[in-house]
Amino acid sequence: MRNARVLLRRVTVVVRRREPLPDRTLGLLDALATATAGIADDLRQHRGPDPARERLVRVGADSALVATGHGLSADVVLARLRSIVVDLLECTGLDYAGAQSLVGPGPDVVPDPEEPVDD
């Protein structure tokens, strides 16, 4: 829950300051929301953790493709999103190391400062 609170606080800062977020980051937030709703549905339907895990792994893998360096808020949102994916993977029964290995290493590509934020 702590990671979700930090994410929400930073998104609130983004909105209030009208800061840009990369389109890919916005898409990841949508994908995380969809994956989280899917977890609730899986629980209601008494399904095992595999469908949720697959959705979360996809979000985690896609998050590694988003370049950092678009600004503090964009980097914080991306980092918290990745942390939440690890947290939720742990909820599917994985230990921390297993969850983190599925999400993979974070992005280490810093974009050219002249490159537009809309990827």
N, C-alpha and C. Protein backbone atom coordinates (compact mmCIF):
# COMPACT_ATOMS: atom_id res chain seq x y z
N MET A 1 0.82 -1.20 0.00
CA MET A 1 0.00 0.00 0.00
C MET A 1 0.87 1.26 0.00
N ARG A 2 2.02 1.17 0.63
CA ARG A 2 2.89 2.35 0.68
C ARG A 2 3.29 2.78 -0.72
N ASN A 3 3.67 1.84 -1.55
CA ASN A 3 4.05 2.20 -2.92
C ASN A 3 2.89 2.83 -3.68
N ALA A 4 1.69 2.34 -3.43
CA ALA A 4 0.51 2.92 -4.09
C ALA A 4 0.27 4.35 -3.61
N ARG A 5 0.46 4.60 -2.31
CA ARG A 5 0.30 5.97 -1.79
C ARG A 5 1.33 6.91 -2.40
N VAL A 6 2.58 6.45 -2.50
CA VAL A 6 3.63 7.28 -3.09
C VAL A 6 3.32 7.57 -4.55
N LEU A 7 2.86 6.55 -5.27
CA LEU A 7 2.48 6.75 -6.67
C LEU A 7 1.35 7.77 -6.78
N LEU A 8 0.34 7.63 -5.97
CA LEU A 8 -0.79 8.55 -6.01
C LEU A 8 -0.36 9.98 -5.68
N ARG A 9 0.49 10.14 -4.68
CA ARG A 9 0.98 11.49 -4.35
C ARG A 9 1.73 12.10 -5.52
N ARG A 10 2.56 11.30 -6.20
CA ARG A 10 3.35 11.86 -7.31
C ARG A 10 2.46 12.17 -8.49
N VAL A 11 1.48 11.33 -8.76
CA VAL A 11 0.55 11.61 -9.86
C VAL A 11 -0.24 12.88 -9.56
N THR A 12 -0.57 13.09 -8.29
CA THR A 12 -1.25 14.33 -7.89
C THR A 12 -0.37 15.54 -8.19
N VAL A 13 0.93 15.43 -7.90
CA VAL A 13 1.87 16.51 -8.21
C VAL A 13 1.90 16.75 -9.72
N VAL A 14 1.95 15.68 -10.49
CA VAL A 14 1.97 15.81 -11.96
C VAL A 14 0.74 16.58 -12.44
N VAL A 15 -0.41 16.22 -11.92
CA VAL A 15 -1.66 16.87 -12.35
C VAL A 15 -1.67 18.33 -11.92
N ARG A 16 -1.35 18.59 -10.67
CA ARG A 16 -1.40 19.97 -10.17
C ARG A 16 -0.42 20.88 -10.90
N ARG A 17 0.77 20.35 -11.20
CA ARG A 17 1.78 21.16 -11.87
C ARG A 17 1.69 21.09 -13.39
N ARG A 18 0.78 20.28 -13.86
CA ARG A 18 0.62 20.07 -15.31
C ARG A 18 1.93 19.62 -15.96
N GLU A 19 2.60 18.70 -15.25
CA GLU A 19 3.85 18.16 -15.78
C GLU A 19 3.55 17.06 -16.79
N PRO A 20 4.36 16.96 -17.82
CA PRO A 20 4.13 15.89 -18.80
C PRO A 20 4.65 14.54 -18.30
N LEU A 21 3.97 13.49 -18.69
CA LEU A 21 4.45 12.13 -18.50
C LEU A 21 4.56 11.50 -19.88
N PRO A 22 5.57 10.68 -20.09
CA PRO A 22 5.67 10.00 -21.39
C PRO A 22 4.41 9.17 -21.66
N ASP A 23 4.01 9.12 -22.91
CA ASP A 23 2.84 8.32 -23.29
C ASP A 23 2.98 6.87 -22.84
N ARG A 24 4.19 6.35 -22.92
CA ARG A 24 4.40 4.95 -22.49
C ARG A 24 4.11 4.78 -21.00
N THR A 25 4.48 5.75 -20.20
CA THR A 25 4.21 5.67 -18.76
C THR A 25 2.71 5.72 -18.51
N LEU A 26 2.02 6.59 -19.22
CA LEU A 26 0.56 6.66 -19.07
C LEU A 26 -0.08 5.33 -19.47
N GLY A 27 0.41 4.73 -20.55
CA GLY A 27 -0.09 3.43 -20.97
C GLY A 27 0.17 2.35 -19.93
N LEU A 28 1.33 2.42 -19.27
CA LEU A 28 1.64 1.45 -18.22
C LEU A 28 0.71 1.61 -17.01
N LEU A 29 0.38 2.85 -16.69
CA LEU A 29 -0.57 3.07 -15.59
C LEU A 29 -1.92 2.44 -15.93
N ASP A 30 -2.36 2.60 -17.17
CA ASP A 30 -3.60 1.95 -17.60
C ASP A 30 -3.48 0.43 -17.52
N ALA A 31 -2.35 -0.09 -17.99
CA ALA A 31 -2.15 -1.54 -17.97
C ALA A 31 -2.10 -2.08 -16.54
N LEU A 32 -1.49 -1.33 -15.63
CA LEU A 32 -1.46 -1.75 -14.23
C LEU A 32 -2.86 -1.75 -13.63
N ALA A 33 -3.65 -0.73 -13.96
CA ALA A 33 -5.03 -0.69 -13.47
C ALA A 33 -5.82 -1.88 -14.00
N THR A 34 -5.65 -2.20 -15.25
CA THR A 34 -6.35 -3.35 -15.85
C THR A 34 -5.90 -4.65 -15.19
N ALA A 35 -4.59 -4.79 -14.97
CA ALA A 35 -4.07 -6.00 -14.32
C ALA A 35 -4.61 -6.13 -12.90
N THR A 36 -4.69 -5.02 -12.20
CA THR A 36 -5.18 -5.04 -10.82
C THR A 36 -6.66 -5.41 -10.80
N ALA A 37 -7.44 -4.86 -11.70
CA ALA A 37 -8.86 -5.23 -11.80
C ALA A 37 -8.99 -6.71 -12.14
N GLY A 38 -8.07 -7.21 -12.96
CA GLY A 38 -8.08 -8.63 -13.30
C GLY A 38 -7.81 -9.51 -12.10
N ILE A 39 -6.97 -9.05 -11.19
CA ILE A 39 -6.70 -9.80 -9.97
C ILE A 39 -7.98 -9.94 -9.16
N ALA A 40 -8.72 -8.86 -9.03
CA ALA A 40 -9.99 -8.90 -8.30
C ALA A 40 -10.95 -9.88 -8.96
N ASP A 41 -11.02 -9.83 -10.28
CA ASP A 41 -11.89 -10.76 -11.00
C ASP A 41 -11.44 -12.20 -10.81
N ASP A 42 -10.13 -12.43 -10.88
CA ASP A 42 -9.61 -13.78 -10.67
C ASP A 42 -10.00 -14.30 -9.29
N LEU A 43 -9.92 -13.45 -8.29
CA LEU A 43 -10.30 -13.86 -6.93
C LEU A 43 -11.78 -14.19 -6.85
N ARG A 44 -12.61 -13.35 -7.48
CA ARG A 44 -14.06 -13.62 -7.46
C ARG A 44 -14.39 -14.93 -8.15
N GLN A 45 -13.66 -15.24 -9.21
CA GLN A 45 -13.92 -16.45 -9.99
C GLN A 45 -13.15 -17.67 -9.45
N HIS A 46 -12.43 -17.49 -8.35
CA HIS A 46 -11.65 -18.57 -7.73
C HIS A 46 -10.61 -19.16 -8.68
N ARG A 47 -10.02 -18.29 -9.51
CA ARG A 47 -8.95 -18.72 -10.40
C ARG A 47 -7.62 -18.63 -9.67
N GLY A 48 -6.69 -19.46 -10.07
CA GLY A 48 -5.34 -19.43 -9.49
C GLY A 48 -4.60 -18.17 -9.88
N PRO A 49 -3.35 -18.06 -9.45
CA PRO A 49 -2.59 -16.83 -9.66
C PRO A 49 -1.99 -16.67 -11.05
N ASP A 50 -2.05 -17.69 -11.89
CA ASP A 50 -1.34 -17.61 -13.18
C ASP A 50 -1.82 -16.49 -14.10
N PRO A 51 -3.13 -16.29 -14.28
CA PRO A 51 -3.55 -15.19 -15.18
C PRO A 51 -3.06 -13.82 -14.68
N ALA A 52 -3.18 -13.59 -13.39
CA ALA A 52 -2.74 -12.32 -12.82
C ALA A 52 -1.24 -12.16 -12.99
N ARG A 53 -0.52 -13.22 -12.73
CA ARG A 53 0.94 -13.18 -12.84
C ARG A 53 1.36 -12.83 -14.27
N GLU A 54 0.71 -13.44 -15.24
CA GLU A 54 1.04 -13.15 -16.65
C GLU A 54 0.83 -11.68 -16.99
N ARG A 55 -0.30 -11.13 -16.55
CA ARG A 55 -0.58 -9.71 -16.82
C ARG A 55 0.46 -8.81 -16.17
N LEU A 56 0.80 -9.13 -14.93
CA LEU A 56 1.76 -8.30 -14.19
C LEU A 56 3.16 -8.39 -14.79
N VAL A 57 3.55 -9.59 -15.21
CA VAL A 57 4.87 -9.75 -15.84
C VAL A 57 4.94 -8.91 -17.11
N ARG A 58 3.86 -8.87 -17.87
CA ARG A 58 3.83 -8.06 -19.09
C ARG A 58 4.02 -6.58 -18.76
N VAL A 59 3.33 -6.10 -17.72
CA VAL A 59 3.47 -4.69 -17.33
C VAL A 59 4.91 -4.44 -16.89
N GLY A 60 5.46 -5.34 -16.09
CA GLY A 60 6.84 -5.17 -15.62
C GLY A 60 7.84 -5.15 -16.76
N ALA A 61 7.68 -6.08 -17.70
CA ALA A 61 8.60 -6.13 -18.85
C ALA A 61 8.48 -4.86 -19.69
N ASP A 62 7.26 -4.41 -19.92
CA ASP A 62 7.06 -3.20 -20.71
C ASP A 62 7.65 -1.97 -20.00
N SER A 63 7.60 -1.98 -18.67
CA SER A 63 8.12 -0.83 -17.92
C SER A 63 9.63 -0.69 -18.07
N ALA A 64 10.31 -1.79 -18.33
CA ALA A 64 11.76 -1.73 -18.51
C ALA A 64 12.15 -1.07 -19.83
N LEU A 65 11.18 -0.89 -20.71
CA LEU A 65 11.44 -0.29 -22.02
C LEU A 65 11.25 1.22 -22.04
N VAL A 66 10.76 1.77 -20.94
CA VAL A 66 10.51 3.21 -20.87
C VAL A 66 11.77 3.92 -20.39
N ALA A 67 12.25 4.85 -21.17
CA ALA A 67 13.46 5.59 -20.81
C ALA A 67 13.21 6.48 -19.61
N THR A 68 14.24 6.62 -18.80
CA THR A 68 14.18 7.56 -17.68
C THR A 68 14.78 8.89 -18.13
N GLY A 69 14.68 9.88 -17.27
CA GLY A 69 15.30 11.16 -17.56
C GLY A 69 14.35 12.19 -18.12
N HIS A 70 13.05 11.91 -18.07
CA HIS A 70 12.06 12.89 -18.54
C HIS A 70 11.68 13.86 -17.44
N GLY A 71 12.27 13.73 -16.27
CA GLY A 71 11.98 14.59 -15.14
C GLY A 71 11.74 13.76 -13.90
N LEU A 72 11.84 14.42 -12.75
CA LEU A 72 11.70 13.74 -11.47
C LEU A 72 10.36 13.02 -11.37
N SER A 73 9.28 13.69 -11.67
CA SER A 73 7.96 13.08 -11.53
C SER A 73 7.80 11.86 -12.42
N ALA A 74 8.23 11.97 -13.66
CA ALA A 74 8.12 10.84 -14.58
C ALA A 74 8.92 9.65 -14.08
N ASP A 75 10.12 9.90 -13.56
CA ASP A 75 10.95 8.82 -13.05
C ASP A 75 10.36 8.21 -11.77
N VAL A 76 9.80 9.04 -10.90
CA VAL A 76 9.19 8.53 -9.67
C VAL A 76 7.97 7.68 -10.01
N VAL A 77 7.14 8.14 -10.91
CA VAL A 77 5.95 7.38 -11.31
C VAL A 77 6.37 6.02 -11.86
N LEU A 78 7.36 6.01 -12.72
CA LEU A 78 7.82 4.75 -13.30
C LEU A 78 8.39 3.82 -12.22
N ALA A 79 9.19 4.36 -11.33
CA ALA A 79 9.79 3.53 -10.27
C ALA A 79 8.72 2.96 -9.34
N ARG A 80 7.75 3.76 -8.96
CA ARG A 80 6.69 3.27 -8.07
C ARG A 80 5.84 2.24 -8.77
N LEU A 81 5.55 2.45 -10.04
CA LEU A 81 4.77 1.49 -10.81
C LEU A 81 5.50 0.14 -10.81
N ARG A 82 6.80 0.16 -11.05
CA ARG A 82 7.57 -1.09 -11.06
C ARG A 82 7.56 -1.75 -9.68
N SER A 83 7.65 -0.95 -8.62
CA SER A 83 7.60 -1.50 -7.27
C SER A 83 6.25 -2.14 -6.98
N ILE A 84 5.20 -1.52 -7.43
CA ILE A 84 3.85 -2.08 -7.23
C ILE A 84 3.71 -3.40 -7.97
N VAL A 85 4.26 -3.49 -9.16
CA VAL A 85 4.21 -4.76 -9.91
C VAL A 85 4.90 -5.85 -9.10
N VAL A 86 6.06 -5.55 -8.53
CA VAL A 86 6.75 -6.54 -7.70
C VAL A 86 5.89 -6.92 -6.50
N ASP A 87 5.31 -5.91 -5.83
CA ASP A 87 4.43 -6.19 -4.69
C ASP A 87 3.28 -7.12 -5.07
N LEU A 88 2.64 -6.83 -6.19
CA LEU A 88 1.50 -7.64 -6.61
C LEU A 88 1.93 -9.04 -7.05
N LEU A 89 3.10 -9.15 -7.65
CA LEU A 89 3.60 -10.49 -7.99
C LEU A 89 3.84 -11.31 -6.73
N GLU A 90 4.28 -10.65 -5.68
CA GLU A 90 4.43 -11.35 -4.40
C GLU A 90 3.07 -11.83 -3.89
N CYS A 91 2.03 -11.05 -4.14
CA CYS A 91 0.67 -11.46 -3.74
C CYS A 91 0.22 -12.70 -4.51
N THR A 92 0.82 -12.97 -5.66
CA THR A 92 0.46 -14.16 -6.42
C THR A 92 1.22 -15.40 -5.94
N GLY A 93 2.04 -15.21 -4.89
CA GLY A 93 2.72 -16.36 -4.30
C GLY A 93 4.22 -16.40 -4.53
N LEU A 94 4.76 -15.45 -5.24
CA LEU A 94 6.20 -15.43 -5.47
C LEU A 94 6.91 -14.78 -4.30
N ASP A 95 8.16 -15.18 -4.08
CA ASP A 95 8.95 -14.45 -3.09
C ASP A 95 9.50 -13.20 -3.77
N TYR A 96 10.11 -12.32 -2.97
CA TYR A 96 10.58 -11.04 -3.49
C TYR A 96 11.57 -11.22 -4.64
N ALA A 97 12.55 -12.10 -4.44
CA ALA A 97 13.57 -12.30 -5.49
C ALA A 97 12.95 -12.82 -6.78
N GLY A 98 12.01 -13.73 -6.68
CA GLY A 98 11.34 -14.26 -7.86
C GLY A 98 10.53 -13.20 -8.57
N ALA A 99 9.82 -12.39 -7.79
CA ALA A 99 9.01 -11.31 -8.37
C ALA A 99 9.89 -10.29 -9.06
N GLN A 100 10.97 -9.92 -8.39
CA GLN A 100 11.86 -8.92 -8.95
C GLN A 100 12.54 -9.43 -10.22
N SER A 101 12.87 -10.71 -10.25
CA SER A 101 13.52 -11.25 -11.45
C SER A 101 12.57 -11.26 -12.64
N LEU A 102 11.27 -11.41 -12.39
CA LEU A 102 10.30 -11.39 -13.49
C LEU A 102 10.10 -9.99 -14.05
N VAL A 103 10.22 -8.99 -13.19
CA VAL A 103 10.08 -7.61 -13.64
C VAL A 103 11.35 -7.18 -14.37
N GLY A 104 12.47 -7.70 -13.94
CA GLY A 104 13.73 -7.43 -14.61
C GLY A 104 14.35 -6.13 -14.17
N PRO A 105 15.55 -5.87 -14.68
CA PRO A 105 16.23 -4.64 -14.30
C PRO A 105 15.50 -3.42 -14.85
N GLY A 106 15.63 -2.35 -14.14
CA GLY A 106 14.98 -1.11 -14.57
C GLY A 106 15.65 -0.52 -15.79
N PRO A 107 15.00 0.44 -16.38
CA PRO A 107 15.57 1.09 -17.56
C PRO A 107 16.82 1.86 -17.18
N ASP A 108 17.80 1.85 -18.05
CA ASP A 108 19.00 2.62 -17.78
C ASP A 108 19.33 3.53 -18.95
N VAL A 109 18.36 3.73 -19.80
CA VAL A 109 18.55 4.59 -20.97
C VAL A 109 18.04 5.98 -20.63
N VAL A 110 18.90 6.95 -20.73
CA VAL A 110 18.50 8.33 -20.48
C VAL A 110 18.30 8.98 -21.84
N PRO A 111 17.11 9.54 -22.09
CA PRO A 111 16.85 10.12 -23.40
C PRO A 111 17.62 11.41 -23.63
N ASP A 112 17.75 11.75 -24.87
CA ASP A 112 18.32 13.02 -25.27
C ASP A 112 17.40 14.12 -24.74
N PRO A 113 17.94 15.15 -24.07
CA PRO A 113 17.08 16.20 -23.52
C PRO A 113 16.28 16.94 -24.60
N GLU A 114 16.72 16.87 -25.85
CA GLU A 114 16.00 17.53 -26.93
C GLU A 114 14.87 16.69 -27.48
N GLU A 115 14.82 15.41 -27.07
CA GLU A 115 13.79 14.48 -27.57
C GLU A 115 12.44 14.83 -26.95
N PRO A 116 11.37 14.84 -27.73
CA PRO A 116 10.06 15.15 -27.16
C PRO A 116 9.62 14.09 -26.16
N VAL A 117 8.83 14.49 -25.16
CA VAL A 117 8.37 13.59 -24.10
C VAL A 117 7.39 12.57 -24.64
N ASP A 118 6.60 12.89 -25.63
CA ASP A 118 5.61 11.96 -26.18
C ASP A 118 6.32 10.86 -26.94
N ASP A 119 6.57 9.70 -26.28
CA ASP A 119 7.18 8.62 -27.05
C ASP A 119 6.09 7.86 -27.64
